[in-house]
Amino acid sequence: MLTQTLTDSRPSKFFRHAARLQQSFLARPEKRMLIWMAERTPSWINPDHLTLFGFLAQLMTGVSYAIARSSQLGLTGAIVFLILNWLGDSMDGTLARVRQQQRPRYGFYVDHMLDSVGAVALMAGLAFSGYMSPPIAIGLLVLFLLLSIQSYLATYTLGEFRMSFWSCGPTELRLLLILGNLAAYRWPTVLHGYRLFDVGGAVGIAGMLAMLIWFTGRNIARLYDEERLS
């Protein structure tokens, strides 16, 4: 009986792999470049190293934004760490696939849990930077987490993991932040004194809210139709 209980408590070997939906503007050239880089990555570097590297870079992005409150060098630091975050966060899964070392449950859980913690650190840094007001930063963080929850629930219920929304994915968001940092050097305020990052953040909030409503409504309708009661 004890043996049977222990056996039943183990994860099922019939774990279902979710389809990865990546339809962002830069997805195809980015994928080719990542595969090229993964094939040339030294053997002593493994996917876990890259995951940790990307996570630490995201934490340092938040720290850099906080430093920007007293020095514009913080904006430069944020650009550097956003690029390093892209490297670690994008390369870990590619390296695992190129080397045939996938651990789908472990990788999915660790990667996205660290992404959530990193997002909190990044938005906290922006809220403290003086370039974005705390309510805008909180609004962006809440909607990012809600979109993440929506995506994870769809992964479980529909077997589809959406990595981009309306042709915009993590890489595009990083590029927008980098462009915003560069613009903030010259124009920290726009439109009669409004902060540049507040204007951009408000647009981001509106867009993310529209995405959340659209994809949540569509998935609910699809699940209702697939499990319609006779």
Protein backbone atom coordinates (compact mmCIF):
# COMPACT_ATOMS: atom_id res chain seq x y z
CA MET A 1 0.00 0.00 0.00
CA LEU A 2 2.80 2.43 0.92
CA THR A 3 4.64 1.63 -2.31
CA GLN A 4 1.49 2.27 -4.31
CA THR A 5 0.94 5.61 -2.55
CA LEU A 6 4.50 6.73 -3.26
CA THR A 7 4.18 5.71 -6.89
CA ASP A 8 0.89 7.56 -7.33
CA SER A 9 2.35 10.74 -5.81
CA ARG A 10 5.04 11.05 -8.46
CA PRO A 11 4.52 13.38 -11.44
CA SER A 12 2.85 11.66 -14.34
CA LYS A 13 5.14 10.45 -17.10
CA PHE A 14 2.42 11.51 -19.50
CA PHE A 15 3.10 15.20 -18.91
CA ARG A 16 1.63 17.13 -21.83
CA HIS A 17 3.93 19.58 -23.58
CA ALA A 18 2.18 22.85 -24.39
CA ALA A 19 2.49 24.38 -27.84
CA ARG A 20 4.72 27.48 -27.73
CA LEU A 21 3.05 30.41 -29.50
CA GLN A 22 5.68 33.02 -30.35
CA GLN A 23 4.41 35.42 -33.00
CA SER A 24 6.25 38.64 -32.19
CA PHE A 25 7.81 40.93 -34.82
CA LEU A 26 11.37 39.81 -34.05
CA ALA A 27 10.67 36.13 -33.33
CA ARG A 28 12.16 34.64 -36.51
CA PRO A 29 15.47 36.55 -36.71
CA GLU A 30 15.85 36.29 -32.94
CA LYS A 31 15.39 32.51 -33.05
CA ARG A 32 18.04 32.12 -35.77
CA MET A 33 20.49 34.27 -33.83
CA LEU A 34 19.86 32.42 -30.55
CA ILE A 35 20.42 29.03 -32.17
CA TRP A 36 23.66 30.31 -33.73
CA MET A 37 24.82 31.55 -30.33
CA ALA A 38 23.74 28.37 -28.53
CA GLU A 39 25.71 26.19 -30.93
CA ARG A 40 28.84 28.18 -30.04
CA THR A 41 28.29 28.41 -26.27
CA PRO A 42 31.11 26.81 -24.23
CA SER A 43 30.20 23.41 -22.81
CA TRP A 44 30.80 24.52 -19.22
CA ILE A 45 27.87 26.96 -19.50
CA ASN A 46 24.52 25.24 -18.96
CA PRO A 47 20.91 26.51 -19.13
CA ASP A 48 20.70 26.97 -15.35
CA HIS A 49 23.68 29.34 -15.49
CA LEU A 50 21.90 31.43 -18.10
CA THR A 51 18.63 31.45 -16.16
CA LEU A 52 20.40 32.73 -13.06
CA PHE A 53 22.39 35.22 -15.14
CA GLY A 54 19.22 36.63 -16.70
CA PHE A 55 17.48 36.84 -13.33
CA LEU A 56 20.37 38.71 -11.69
CA ALA A 57 20.52 41.06 -14.68
CA GLN A 58 16.82 41.85 -14.26
CA LEU A 59 17.34 42.57 -10.56
CA MET A 60 20.21 44.89 -11.48
CA THR A 61 17.98 46.63 -14.02
CA GLY A 62 15.70 47.58 -11.14
CA VAL A 63 18.69 48.72 -9.06
CA SER A 64 19.93 50.82 -11.99
CA TYR A 65 16.57 52.55 -12.32
CA ALA A 66 16.66 53.33 -8.61
CA ILE A 67 20.14 54.84 -9.05
CA ALA A 68 18.78 56.98 -11.90
CA ARG A 69 16.97 59.04 -9.28
CA SER A 70 20.29 60.71 -8.45
CA SER A 71 22.34 60.07 -11.61
CA GLN A 72 21.52 59.56 -15.27
CA LEU A 73 24.19 56.87 -15.29
CA GLY A 74 21.46 54.68 -13.84
CA LEU A 75 19.66 54.87 -17.19
CA THR A 76 22.82 53.65 -18.92
CA GLY A 77 23.15 50.83 -16.41
CA ALA A 78 19.52 49.83 -17.02
CA ILE A 79 20.20 49.59 -20.77
CA VAL A 80 23.23 47.35 -20.20
CA PHE A 81 21.38 45.06 -17.80
CA LEU A 82 18.31 44.86 -20.05
CA ILE A 83 20.56 43.53 -22.80
CA LEU A 84 22.17 41.05 -20.40
CA ASN A 85 18.72 40.02 -19.16
CA TRP A 86 17.68 39.32 -22.76
CA LEU A 87 20.80 37.20 -23.23
CA GLY A 88 20.18 35.02 -20.19
CA ASP A 89 16.40 34.85 -20.39
CA SER A 90 16.27 34.08 -24.11
CA MET A 91 19.27 31.78 -24.33
CA ASP A 92 18.53 29.35 -21.49
CA GLY A 93 15.69 27.51 -23.22
CA THR A 94 17.37 27.66 -26.63
CA LEU A 95 20.54 26.14 -25.22
CA ALA A 96 18.56 23.33 -23.58
CA ARG A 97 16.78 22.54 -26.85
CA VAL A 98 19.97 22.66 -28.95
CA ARG A 99 21.72 20.28 -26.53
CA GLN A 100 18.63 18.08 -26.08
CA GLN A 101 18.65 18.76 -22.32
CA GLN A 102 15.04 19.88 -21.88
CA ARG A 103 13.42 19.67 -18.46
CA PRO A 104 10.00 21.09 -19.37
CA ARG A 105 8.34 21.13 -15.94
CA TYR A 106 11.42 22.32 -14.07
CA GLY A 107 12.32 24.88 -16.71
CA PHE A 108 8.80 26.27 -17.02
CA TYR A 109 8.36 26.67 -13.26
CA VAL A 110 11.77 28.13 -12.45
CA ASP A 111 11.95 30.44 -15.45
CA HIS A 112 8.56 32.03 -14.97
CA MET A 113 8.74 32.23 -11.20
CA LEU A 114 12.01 34.14 -11.51
CA ASP A 115 10.48 36.30 -14.26
CA SER A 116 7.71 37.33 -11.87
CA VAL A 117 10.13 38.19 -9.06
CA GLY A 118 12.33 40.06 -11.53
CA ALA A 119 9.36 42.05 -12.82
CA VAL A 120 8.58 43.19 -9.27
CA ALA A 121 12.19 44.34 -8.83
CA LEU A 122 12.24 46.14 -12.18
CA MET A 123 8.99 48.02 -11.60
CA ALA A 124 10.01 48.87 -8.03
CA GLY A 125 13.16 50.43 -9.44
CA LEU A 126 11.15 52.43 -11.97
CA ALA A 127 8.75 53.60 -9.25
CA PHE A 128 11.72 54.86 -7.22
CA SER A 129 13.61 56.33 -10.18
CA GLY A 130 11.75 59.61 -10.40
CA TYR A 131 11.16 58.95 -14.11
CA MET A 132 7.87 57.10 -13.52
CA SER A 133 5.24 57.74 -10.88
CA PRO A 134 4.55 54.84 -8.47
CA PRO A 135 0.86 54.43 -9.48
CA ILE A 136 1.84 53.93 -13.13
CA ALA A 137 4.55 51.44 -12.15
CA ILE A 138 2.12 49.52 -9.93
CA GLY A 139 -0.50 49.48 -12.69
CA LEU A 140 2.01 48.06 -15.17
CA LEU A 141 3.16 45.43 -12.69
CA VAL A 142 -0.37 44.32 -11.84
CA LEU A 143 -1.32 43.97 -15.49
CA PHE A 144 1.91 42.13 -16.30
CA LEU A 145 1.20 39.63 -13.53
CA LEU A 146 -2.45 39.26 -14.62
CA LEU A 147 -1.37 38.60 -18.21
CA SER A 148 1.14 36.07 -16.91
CA ILE A 149 -1.55 34.31 -14.87
CA GLN A 150 -3.83 34.28 -17.91
CA SER A 151 -1.04 32.75 -19.99
CA TYR A 152 -0.21 30.08 -17.39
CA LEU A 153 -3.86 29.10 -17.01
CA ALA A 154 -4.19 28.82 -20.79
CA THR A 155 -1.09 26.62 -20.81
CA TYR A 156 -2.78 24.21 -18.41
CA THR A 157 -6.31 24.28 -19.80
CA LEU A 158 -5.65 24.69 -23.53
CA GLY A 159 -2.15 23.24 -23.90
CA GLU A 160 -0.92 26.51 -25.47
CA PHE A 161 1.76 28.73 -23.98
CA ARG A 162 1.50 32.17 -25.53
CA MET A 163 4.84 34.02 -25.44
CA SER A 164 3.66 37.14 -27.26
CA PHE A 165 0.50 39.20 -27.49
CA TRP A 166 -0.46 41.05 -30.67
CA SER A 167 3.04 40.64 -32.14
CA CYS A 168 4.69 42.02 -29.01
CA GLY A 169 6.83 39.83 -26.79
CA PRO A 170 9.52 40.24 -24.11
CA THR A 171 12.21 41.24 -26.60
CA GLU A 172 10.07 44.01 -28.05
CA LEU A 173 9.26 45.26 -24.54
CA ARG A 174 12.96 45.40 -23.67
CA LEU A 175 13.65 47.38 -26.83
CA LEU A 176 10.91 49.85 -25.97
CA LEU A 177 12.41 50.32 -22.50
CA ILE A 178 15.86 50.86 -24.00
CA LEU A 179 14.49 53.45 -26.44
CA GLY A 180 12.65 55.11 -23.56
CA ASN A 181 15.87 55.31 -21.57
CA LEU A 182 17.69 56.92 -24.48
CA ALA A 183 14.88 59.42 -25.00
CA ALA A 184 14.74 60.22 -21.27
CA TYR A 185 18.28 61.58 -21.42
CA ARG A 186 17.01 64.41 -23.61
CA TRP A 187 13.30 64.56 -22.84
CA PRO A 188 12.50 63.35 -19.30
CA THR A 189 9.23 65.26 -19.54
CA VAL A 190 6.89 65.73 -22.51
CA LEU A 191 3.41 67.10 -23.21
CA HIS A 192 3.44 70.14 -20.94
CA GLY A 193 5.42 68.63 -18.07
CA TYR A 194 4.21 65.01 -18.01
CA ARG A 195 6.97 62.49 -17.44
CA LEU A 196 7.94 60.57 -20.57
CA PHE A 197 7.79 57.24 -18.75
CA ASP A 198 4.37 58.09 -17.32
CA VAL A 199 2.99 58.76 -20.80
CA GLY A 200 4.54 55.57 -22.15
CA GLY A 201 3.37 53.65 -19.08
CA ALA A 202 -0.20 54.90 -19.49
CA VAL A 203 -0.19 53.72 -23.11
CA GLY A 204 1.24 50.40 -21.93
CA ILE A 205 -1.47 50.02 -19.29
CA ALA A 206 -4.20 50.66 -21.87
CA GLY A 207 -2.66 48.15 -24.29
CA MET A 208 -2.12 45.46 -21.66
CA LEU A 209 -5.65 45.90 -20.33
CA ALA A 210 -7.03 45.47 -23.85
CA MET A 211 -4.89 42.32 -24.30
CA LEU A 212 -6.07 40.91 -20.98
CA ILE A 213 -9.74 41.46 -21.81
CA TRP A 214 -9.40 40.11 -25.37
CA PHE A 215 -7.47 36.92 -24.63
CA THR A 216 -9.37 36.13 -21.43
CA GLY A 217 -12.70 36.54 -23.19
CA ARG A 218 -11.57 34.48 -26.17
CA ASN A 219 -10.27 31.64 -23.99
CA ILE A 220 -13.42 31.58 -21.89
CA ALA A 221 -15.55 31.35 -25.04
CA ARG A 222 -13.34 28.58 -26.42
CA LEU A 223 -13.39 26.54 -23.22
CA TYR A 224 -17.15 27.00 -22.88
CA ASP A 225 -17.64 25.74 -26.42
CA GLU A 226 -15.29 22.77 -25.94
CA GLU A 227 -16.97 21.74 -22.69
CA ARG A 228 -20.54 22.65 -23.57
CA LEU A 229 -23.12 20.87 -21.45
CA SER A 230 -25.61 18.89 -23.50
